[in-house]
């Protein structure tokens, strides 16, 4: 229901409130709940009048923020926030596993577990690894410890 808010004008009132109650149940922990189902249904009906057809949840949330409607529709604001943050956590987990799979297939025969973990960490944290200056620090330390020639 949150993916196509303008379509909510055509949905029967009872179906909308049933979906809102299901969402409230999912977002309830102990006695604490993030949204109120009856208020959310009314807010979504009212909000659907302002939103153009085909608007994405992100566009709806941006519209609410730019027009300062977040206090006017607090339950819809919270529901959209939760909806838009959930896929991020799933995608980052899948990203880590896909990177690990690429590393394992490329170096499967010659890699130890310790090296695999190190390469996976560097690959996952690629942006951070780009900022580390390995040329100066690590190479110099390694060179001084592993020098085979004695100074004259």
N, C-alpha and C. Protein backbone atom coordinates (compact mmCIF):
# COMPACT_ATOMS: atom_id res chain seq x y z
N UNK A 1 0.82 -1.20 0.00
CA UNK A 1 0.00 0.00 0.00
C UNK A 1 0.86 1.26 0.00
N UNK A 2 2.06 1.20 0.60
CA UNK A 2 2.93 2.38 0.64
C UNK A 2 3.68 2.61 -0.67
N UNK A 3 3.71 1.61 -1.54
CA UNK A 3 4.42 1.78 -2.81
C UNK A 3 3.61 2.59 -3.81
N UNK A 4 2.30 2.62 -3.67
CA UNK A 4 1.46 3.38 -4.61
C UNK A 4 0.39 4.12 -3.81
N UNK A 5 0.76 5.20 -3.18
CA UNK A 5 -0.15 5.95 -2.31
C UNK A 5 -1.32 6.57 -3.07
N UNK A 6 -1.13 7.12 -4.28
CA UNK A 6 -2.31 7.67 -4.99
C UNK A 6 -3.39 6.62 -5.28
N UNK A 7 -3.01 5.37 -5.38
CA UNK A 7 -3.97 4.29 -5.65
C UNK A 7 -4.89 4.04 -4.45
N UNK A 8 -4.53 4.55 -3.28
CA UNK A 8 -5.32 4.32 -2.07
C UNK A 8 -6.70 4.96 -2.13
N UNK A 9 -6.91 5.91 -3.03
CA UNK A 9 -8.23 6.51 -3.17
C UNK A 9 -9.25 5.51 -3.71
N UNK A 10 -8.79 4.50 -4.45
CA UNK A 10 -9.70 3.53 -5.04
C UNK A 10 -9.87 2.27 -4.19
N UNK A 11 -9.03 2.09 -3.18
CA UNK A 11 -9.11 0.89 -2.32
C UNK A 11 -10.26 1.06 -1.33
N UNK A 12 -11.03 -0.01 -1.08
CA UNK A 12 -12.08 0.08 -0.06
C UNK A 12 -11.50 0.40 1.32
N UNK A 13 -12.25 1.15 2.10
CA UNK A 13 -11.81 1.62 3.41
C UNK A 13 -11.39 0.47 4.32
N UNK A 14 -12.15 -0.61 4.32
CA UNK A 14 -11.86 -1.75 5.21
C UNK A 14 -10.54 -2.43 4.84
N UNK A 15 -10.27 -2.56 3.53
CA UNK A 15 -9.01 -3.16 3.09
C UNK A 15 -7.81 -2.32 3.52
N UNK A 16 -7.93 -1.02 3.39
CA UNK A 16 -6.86 -0.12 3.80
C UNK A 16 -6.60 -0.25 5.29
N UNK A 17 -7.65 -0.23 6.10
CA UNK A 17 -7.46 -0.33 7.55
C UNK A 17 -6.94 -1.70 7.96
N UNK A 18 -7.27 -2.74 7.22
CA UNK A 18 -6.75 -4.07 7.51
C UNK A 18 -5.24 -4.11 7.24
N UNK A 19 -4.81 -3.51 6.13
CA UNK A 19 -3.38 -3.46 5.83
C UNK A 19 -2.63 -2.61 6.84
N UNK A 20 -3.25 -1.54 7.30
CA UNK A 20 -2.63 -0.68 8.31
C UNK A 20 -2.49 -1.42 9.64
N UNK A 21 -3.51 -2.20 10.00
CA UNK A 21 -3.43 -2.98 11.24
C UNK A 21 -2.32 -4.04 11.14
N UNK A 22 -2.17 -4.64 9.97
CA UNK A 22 -1.10 -5.63 9.78
C UNK A 22 0.27 -4.96 9.91
N UNK A 23 0.41 -3.76 9.36
CA UNK A 23 1.67 -3.03 9.48
C UNK A 23 1.94 -2.64 10.93
N UNK A 24 0.91 -2.22 11.64
CA UNK A 24 1.06 -1.87 13.05
C UNK A 24 1.51 -3.08 13.86
N UNK A 25 0.96 -4.24 13.56
CA UNK A 25 1.34 -5.46 14.27
C UNK A 25 2.81 -5.80 14.03
N UNK A 26 3.26 -5.64 12.80
CA UNK A 26 4.66 -5.92 12.48
C UNK A 26 5.60 -4.94 13.19
N UNK A 27 5.19 -3.69 13.30
CA UNK A 27 6.04 -2.65 13.89
C UNK A 27 5.83 -2.50 15.40
N UNK A 28 5.22 -3.49 16.04
CA UNK A 28 4.99 -3.44 17.48
C UNK A 28 5.97 -4.37 18.18
N UNK A 29 6.58 -3.86 19.25
CA UNK A 29 7.49 -4.65 20.08
C UNK A 29 7.09 -4.42 21.54
N UNK A 30 6.74 -5.50 22.22
CA UNK A 30 6.19 -5.43 23.58
C UNK A 30 4.95 -4.54 23.55
N UNK A 31 4.95 -3.46 24.31
CA UNK A 31 3.81 -2.55 24.31
C UNK A 31 4.07 -1.29 23.49
N UNK A 32 5.21 -1.24 22.85
CA UNK A 32 5.61 -0.06 22.08
C UNK A 32 5.30 -0.29 20.59
N UNK A 33 4.66 0.71 19.97
CA UNK A 33 4.42 0.61 18.53
C UNK A 33 4.83 1.92 17.86
N UNK A 34 5.33 1.79 16.65
CA UNK A 34 5.82 2.95 15.90
C UNK A 34 4.71 3.77 15.27
N UNK A 35 3.62 3.10 14.90
CA UNK A 35 2.52 3.79 14.22
C UNK A 35 1.19 3.39 14.83
N UNK A 36 0.18 4.19 14.59
CA UNK A 36 -1.19 3.88 14.99
C UNK A 36 -1.96 3.55 13.72
N UNK A 37 -2.54 2.35 13.66
CA UNK A 37 -3.15 1.85 12.42
C UNK A 37 -4.32 2.71 11.95
N UNK A 38 -5.21 3.09 12.86
CA UNK A 38 -6.38 3.87 12.43
C UNK A 38 -5.97 5.26 11.94
N UNK A 39 -4.99 5.87 12.62
CA UNK A 39 -4.51 7.18 12.17
C UNK A 39 -3.77 7.07 10.84
N UNK A 40 -2.98 6.00 10.68
CA UNK A 40 -2.23 5.82 9.44
C UNK A 40 -3.17 5.71 8.25
N UNK A 41 -4.25 4.97 8.39
CA UNK A 41 -5.21 4.83 7.28
C UNK A 41 -5.80 6.17 6.88
N UNK A 42 -6.20 6.96 7.88
CA UNK A 42 -6.76 8.28 7.59
C UNK A 42 -5.71 9.21 6.96
N UNK A 43 -4.48 9.14 7.47
CA UNK A 43 -3.41 9.98 6.94
C UNK A 43 -3.10 9.63 5.48
N UNK A 44 -3.05 8.32 5.20
CA UNK A 44 -2.75 7.91 3.83
C UNK A 44 -3.84 8.31 2.86
N UNK A 45 -5.10 8.22 3.29
CA UNK A 45 -6.21 8.67 2.43
C UNK A 45 -6.08 10.16 2.13
N UNK A 46 -5.80 10.96 3.15
CA UNK A 46 -5.66 12.41 2.96
C UNK A 46 -4.42 12.74 2.12
N UNK A 47 -3.32 12.03 2.39
CA UNK A 47 -2.07 12.29 1.67
C UNK A 47 -2.19 11.91 0.20
N UNK A 48 -2.97 10.89 -0.11
CA UNK A 48 -3.10 10.43 -1.50
C UNK A 48 -3.73 11.50 -2.40
N UNK A 49 -4.44 12.44 -1.82
CA UNK A 49 -5.03 13.52 -2.61
C UNK A 49 -3.98 14.52 -3.10
N UNK A 50 -2.86 14.61 -2.38
CA UNK A 50 -1.80 15.56 -2.73
C UNK A 50 -0.75 14.97 -3.67
N UNK A 51 -0.68 13.67 -3.75
CA UNK A 51 0.39 12.99 -4.48
C UNK A 51 -0.08 12.63 -5.88
N UNK A 52 0.79 12.87 -6.87
CA UNK A 52 0.45 12.52 -8.26
C UNK A 52 0.63 11.01 -8.48
N UNK A 53 -0.06 10.50 -9.47
CA UNK A 53 -0.01 9.06 -9.78
C UNK A 53 1.39 8.67 -10.23
N UNK A 54 1.82 7.49 -9.82
CA UNK A 54 3.13 6.98 -10.20
C UNK A 54 4.27 7.48 -9.34
N UNK A 55 3.97 8.17 -8.25
CA UNK A 55 5.03 8.67 -7.37
C UNK A 55 5.61 7.51 -6.55
N UNK A 56 6.92 7.50 -6.43
CA UNK A 56 7.60 6.49 -5.63
C UNK A 56 7.53 6.86 -4.16
N UNK A 57 7.75 5.91 -3.25
CA UNK A 57 7.76 6.25 -1.82
C UNK A 57 8.79 7.32 -1.48
N UNK A 58 9.94 7.29 -2.15
CA UNK A 58 10.96 8.31 -1.90
C UNK A 58 10.46 9.69 -2.32
N UNK A 59 9.79 9.76 -3.46
CA UNK A 59 9.25 11.04 -3.93
C UNK A 59 8.17 11.55 -2.99
N UNK A 60 7.35 10.65 -2.45
CA UNK A 60 6.31 11.05 -1.50
C UNK A 60 6.95 11.61 -0.24
N UNK A 61 7.98 10.93 0.26
CA UNK A 61 8.66 11.40 1.47
C UNK A 61 9.34 12.75 1.24
N UNK A 62 9.96 12.92 0.08
CA UNK A 62 10.59 14.20 -0.25
C UNK A 62 9.53 15.30 -0.34
N UNK A 63 8.39 14.98 -0.94
CA UNK A 63 7.30 15.95 -1.04
C UNK A 63 6.82 16.37 0.34
N UNK A 64 6.69 15.38 1.24
CA UNK A 64 6.26 15.69 2.61
C UNK A 64 7.26 16.59 3.31
N UNK A 65 8.54 16.32 3.11
CA UNK A 65 9.58 17.11 3.78
C UNK A 65 9.68 18.53 3.22
N UNK A 66 9.62 18.67 1.90
CA UNK A 66 9.75 20.00 1.30
C UNK A 66 8.55 20.88 1.60
N UNK A 67 7.38 20.27 1.74
CA UNK A 67 6.16 21.05 2.04
C UNK A 67 5.82 21.08 3.52
N UNK A 68 6.76 20.62 4.35
CA UNK A 68 6.62 20.65 5.81
C UNK A 68 5.32 19.97 6.27
N UNK A 69 5.09 18.77 5.75
CA UNK A 69 3.89 18.00 6.09
C UNK A 69 4.20 16.86 7.06
N UNK A 70 5.41 16.81 7.59
CA UNK A 70 5.79 15.68 8.44
C UNK A 70 5.03 15.67 9.76
N UNK A 71 4.71 16.83 10.29
CA UNK A 71 3.92 16.87 11.52
C UNK A 71 2.44 16.69 11.25
N UNK A 72 2.04 16.96 10.01
CA UNK A 72 0.64 16.78 9.62
C UNK A 72 0.30 15.30 9.42
N UNK A 73 1.27 14.53 8.93
CA UNK A 73 1.10 13.10 8.69
C UNK A 73 2.20 12.31 9.40
N UNK A 74 2.24 12.28 10.72
CA UNK A 74 3.37 11.65 11.42
C UNK A 74 3.46 10.15 11.22
N UNK A 75 2.34 9.45 11.19
CA UNK A 75 2.38 7.99 11.02
C UNK A 75 2.82 7.61 9.61
N UNK A 76 2.36 8.34 8.62
CA UNK A 76 2.79 8.08 7.25
C UNK A 76 4.28 8.38 7.09
N UNK A 77 4.75 9.42 7.75
CA UNK A 77 6.16 9.79 7.72
C UNK A 77 7.02 8.67 8.29
N UNK A 78 6.63 8.14 9.44
CA UNK A 78 7.39 7.05 10.08
C UNK A 78 7.33 5.79 9.22
N UNK A 79 6.16 5.46 8.69
CA UNK A 79 6.01 4.25 7.87
C UNK A 79 6.87 4.34 6.61
N UNK A 80 6.91 5.50 5.97
CA UNK A 80 7.73 5.66 4.77
C UNK A 80 9.21 5.62 5.10
N UNK A 81 9.59 6.19 6.24
CA UNK A 81 10.99 6.13 6.67
C UNK A 81 11.42 4.68 6.86
N UNK A 82 10.61 3.90 7.52
CA UNK A 82 10.94 2.49 7.75
C UNK A 82 10.99 1.73 6.43
N UNK A 83 10.04 1.99 5.56
CA UNK A 83 10.01 1.32 4.26
C UNK A 83 11.27 1.60 3.46
N UNK A 84 11.72 2.84 3.48
CA UNK A 84 12.87 3.22 2.65
C UNK A 84 14.21 2.82 3.25
N UNK A 85 14.28 2.50 4.53
CA UNK A 85 15.55 2.10 5.12
C UNK A 85 15.74 0.59 5.15
N UNK A 86 14.70 -0.19 5.04
CA UNK A 86 14.84 -1.64 5.10
C UNK A 86 15.68 -2.22 3.96
N UNK A 87 15.49 -1.87 2.70
CA UNK A 87 16.28 -2.51 1.65
C UNK A 87 17.77 -2.23 1.73
N UNK A 88 18.17 -1.15 2.38
CA UNK A 88 19.58 -0.81 2.47
C UNK A 88 20.35 -1.88 3.23
N UNK A 89 19.80 -2.37 4.32
CA UNK A 89 20.51 -3.37 5.11
C UNK A 89 20.61 -4.68 4.36
N UNK A 90 19.62 -5.05 3.61
CA UNK A 90 19.66 -6.29 2.84
C UNK A 90 20.69 -6.19 1.73
N UNK A 91 20.73 -5.07 1.04
CA UNK A 91 21.66 -4.90 -0.08
C UNK A 91 23.11 -4.92 0.38
N UNK A 92 23.42 -4.34 1.53
CA UNK A 92 24.80 -4.33 1.99
C UNK A 92 25.26 -5.73 2.36
N UNK A 93 24.38 -6.55 2.91
CA UNK A 93 24.73 -7.94 3.21
C UNK A 93 24.98 -8.73 1.95
N UNK A 94 24.13 -8.55 0.94
CA UNK A 94 24.33 -9.25 -0.33
C UNK A 94 25.61 -8.79 -1.02
N UNK A 95 25.93 -7.51 -0.87
CA UNK A 95 27.16 -6.97 -1.47
C UNK A 95 28.38 -7.66 -0.88
N UNK A 96 28.39 -7.86 0.43
CA UNK A 96 29.53 -8.50 1.09
C UNK A 96 29.71 -9.93 0.60
N UNK A 97 28.62 -10.68 0.47
CA UNK A 97 28.72 -12.05 0.02
C UNK A 97 29.14 -12.15 -1.44
N UNK A 98 28.68 -11.22 -2.27
CA UNK A 98 29.08 -11.29 -3.68
C UNK A 98 30.56 -10.97 -3.84
N UNK A 99 31.07 -10.03 -3.05
CA UNK A 99 32.50 -9.73 -3.09
C UNK A 99 33.32 -10.93 -2.64
N UNK A 100 32.87 -11.59 -1.57
CA UNK A 100 33.57 -12.76 -1.07
C UNK A 100 33.59 -13.88 -2.12
N UNK A 101 32.48 -14.05 -2.82
CA UNK A 101 32.40 -15.08 -3.87
C UNK A 101 33.38 -14.78 -5.00
N UNK A 102 33.48 -13.51 -5.39
CA UNK A 102 34.43 -13.15 -6.45
C UNK A 102 35.86 -13.44 -6.04
N UNK A 103 36.20 -13.11 -4.82
CA UNK A 103 37.56 -13.33 -4.33
C UNK A 103 37.86 -14.83 -4.25
N UNK A 104 36.91 -15.59 -3.74
CA UNK A 104 37.14 -17.03 -3.57
C UNK A 104 37.32 -17.73 -4.92
N UNK A 105 36.53 -17.38 -5.92
CA UNK A 105 36.67 -18.06 -7.20
C UNK A 105 37.97 -17.67 -7.90
N UNK A 106 38.42 -16.46 -7.71
CA UNK A 106 39.63 -16.00 -8.37
C UNK A 106 40.90 -16.62 -7.76
N UNK A 107 40.93 -16.73 -6.46
CA UNK A 107 42.15 -17.18 -5.77
C UNK A 107 41.95 -18.47 -4.97
N UNK A 108 41.02 -19.28 -5.36
CA UNK A 108 40.64 -20.44 -4.54
C UNK A 108 41.81 -21.39 -4.25
N UNK A 109 42.66 -21.65 -5.19
CA UNK A 109 43.67 -22.69 -5.00
C UNK A 109 44.87 -22.24 -4.18
N UNK A 110 45.16 -20.95 -4.12
CA UNK A 110 46.40 -20.50 -3.48
C UNK A 110 46.18 -19.64 -2.25
N UNK A 111 44.99 -19.54 -1.76
CA UNK A 111 44.72 -18.59 -0.69
C UNK A 111 44.50 -19.29 0.65
N UNK A 112 45.01 -18.70 1.70
CA UNK A 112 44.76 -19.22 3.05
C UNK A 112 43.55 -18.50 3.63
N UNK A 113 43.00 -19.03 4.71
CA UNK A 113 41.81 -18.43 5.32
C UNK A 113 42.10 -17.02 5.83
N UNK A 114 43.27 -16.82 6.41
CA UNK A 114 43.62 -15.49 6.95
C UNK A 114 43.72 -14.45 5.83
N UNK A 115 44.32 -14.85 4.73
CA UNK A 115 44.45 -13.94 3.60
C UNK A 115 43.08 -13.67 2.97
N UNK A 116 42.23 -14.69 2.90
CA UNK A 116 40.89 -14.52 2.36
C UNK A 116 40.09 -13.52 3.17
N UNK A 117 40.17 -13.61 4.47
CA UNK A 117 39.45 -12.67 5.33
C UNK A 117 39.98 -11.25 5.13
N UNK A 118 41.28 -11.12 5.02
CA UNK A 118 41.87 -9.80 4.79
C UNK A 118 41.46 -9.20 3.47
N UNK A 119 41.49 -10.00 2.41
CA UNK A 119 41.08 -9.51 1.08
C UNK A 119 39.60 -9.17 1.04
N UNK A 120 38.79 -9.98 1.71
CA UNK A 120 37.35 -9.70 1.74
C UNK A 120 37.08 -8.39 2.46
N UNK A 121 37.78 -8.16 3.55
CA UNK A 121 37.60 -6.91 4.30
C UNK A 121 38.02 -5.71 3.46
N UNK A 122 39.14 -5.82 2.78
CA UNK A 122 39.60 -4.71 1.93
C UNK A 122 38.62 -4.48 0.78
N UNK A 123 38.13 -5.56 0.18
CA UNK A 123 37.20 -5.42 -0.93
C UNK A 123 35.89 -4.79 -0.51
N UNK A 124 35.38 -5.19 0.65
CA UNK A 124 34.11 -4.64 1.14
C UNK A 124 34.28 -3.18 1.54
N UNK A 125 35.39 -2.88 2.18
CA UNK A 125 35.67 -1.51 2.62
C UNK A 125 36.58 -0.82 1.61
N UNK A 126 36.26 -0.93 0.34
CA UNK A 126 37.09 -0.42 -0.75
C UNK A 126 37.37 1.08 -0.63
N UNK A 127 36.35 1.87 -0.33
CA UNK A 127 36.54 3.32 -0.26
C UNK A 127 37.50 3.70 0.86
N UNK A 128 37.39 3.01 2.00
CA UNK A 128 38.30 3.28 3.11
C UNK A 128 39.71 2.83 2.74
N UNK A 129 39.83 1.71 2.05
CA UNK A 129 41.14 1.19 1.67
C UNK A 129 41.86 2.14 0.70
N UNK A 130 41.10 2.87 -0.13
CA UNK A 130 41.71 3.80 -1.06
C UNK A 130 42.40 4.96 -0.35
N UNK A 131 41.91 5.32 0.83
CA UNK A 131 42.49 6.44 1.56
C UNK A 131 43.75 6.06 2.33
N UNK A 132 43.99 4.77 2.56
CA UNK A 132 45.16 4.32 3.30
C UNK A 132 46.38 4.41 2.38
N UNK A 133 47.44 5.05 2.87
CA UNK A 133 48.65 5.22 2.06
C UNK A 133 49.62 4.08 2.39
N UNK A 134 49.47 2.96 1.70
CA UNK A 134 50.31 1.80 1.96
C UNK A 134 51.73 2.00 1.42
N UNK A 135 51.88 2.80 0.41
CA UNK A 135 53.18 2.99 -0.23
C UNK A 135 54.22 3.48 0.79
N UNK A 136 53.86 4.43 1.58
CA UNK A 136 54.83 5.04 2.46
C UNK A 136 55.07 4.25 3.74
N UNK A 137 54.01 3.97 4.47
CA UNK A 137 54.16 3.38 5.80
C UNK A 137 54.47 1.90 5.78
N UNK A 138 53.56 1.11 5.25
CA UNK A 138 53.68 -0.35 5.33
C UNK A 138 54.90 -0.87 4.57
N UNK A 139 55.13 -0.33 3.40
CA UNK A 139 56.26 -0.81 2.60
C UNK A 139 57.58 -0.47 3.27
N UNK A 140 57.69 0.70 3.84
CA UNK A 140 58.92 1.09 4.52
C UNK A 140 59.18 0.22 5.75
N UNK A 141 58.14 -0.05 6.52
CA UNK A 141 58.30 -0.90 7.70
C UNK A 141 58.72 -2.30 7.28
N UNK A 142 58.07 -2.85 6.26
CA UNK A 142 58.40 -4.18 5.77
C UNK A 142 59.83 -4.22 5.25
N UNK A 143 60.23 -3.21 4.52
CA UNK A 143 61.56 -3.17 3.93
C UNK A 143 62.64 -3.12 5.00
N UNK A 144 62.42 -2.37 6.06
CA UNK A 144 63.43 -2.28 7.11
C UNK A 144 63.53 -3.58 7.91
N UNK A 145 62.43 -4.28 8.07
CA UNK A 145 62.46 -5.53 8.83
C UNK A 145 62.99 -6.70 8.00
N UNK A 146 62.81 -6.68 6.71
CA UNK A 146 63.17 -7.80 5.86
C UNK A 146 64.42 -7.53 5.02
N UNK A 147 65.17 -6.52 5.36
CA UNK A 147 66.37 -6.20 4.57
C UNK A 147 67.38 -7.33 4.75
N UNK A 148 67.96 -7.83 3.64
CA UNK A 148 68.90 -8.93 3.70
C UNK A 148 70.36 -8.45 3.68
N UNK A 149 70.58 -7.26 3.24
CA UNK A 149 71.94 -6.75 3.18
C UNK A 149 72.27 -6.04 4.47
N UNK A 150 73.43 -6.26 4.96
CA UNK A 150 73.87 -5.58 6.16
C UNK A 150 74.51 -4.25 5.78
N UNK A 151 74.24 -3.20 6.54
CA UNK A 151 74.85 -1.90 6.20
C UNK A 151 76.37 -1.93 6.37
N UNK A 152 77.14 -1.30 5.51
CA UNK A 152 78.59 -1.25 5.56
C UNK A 152 79.10 -0.04 6.25
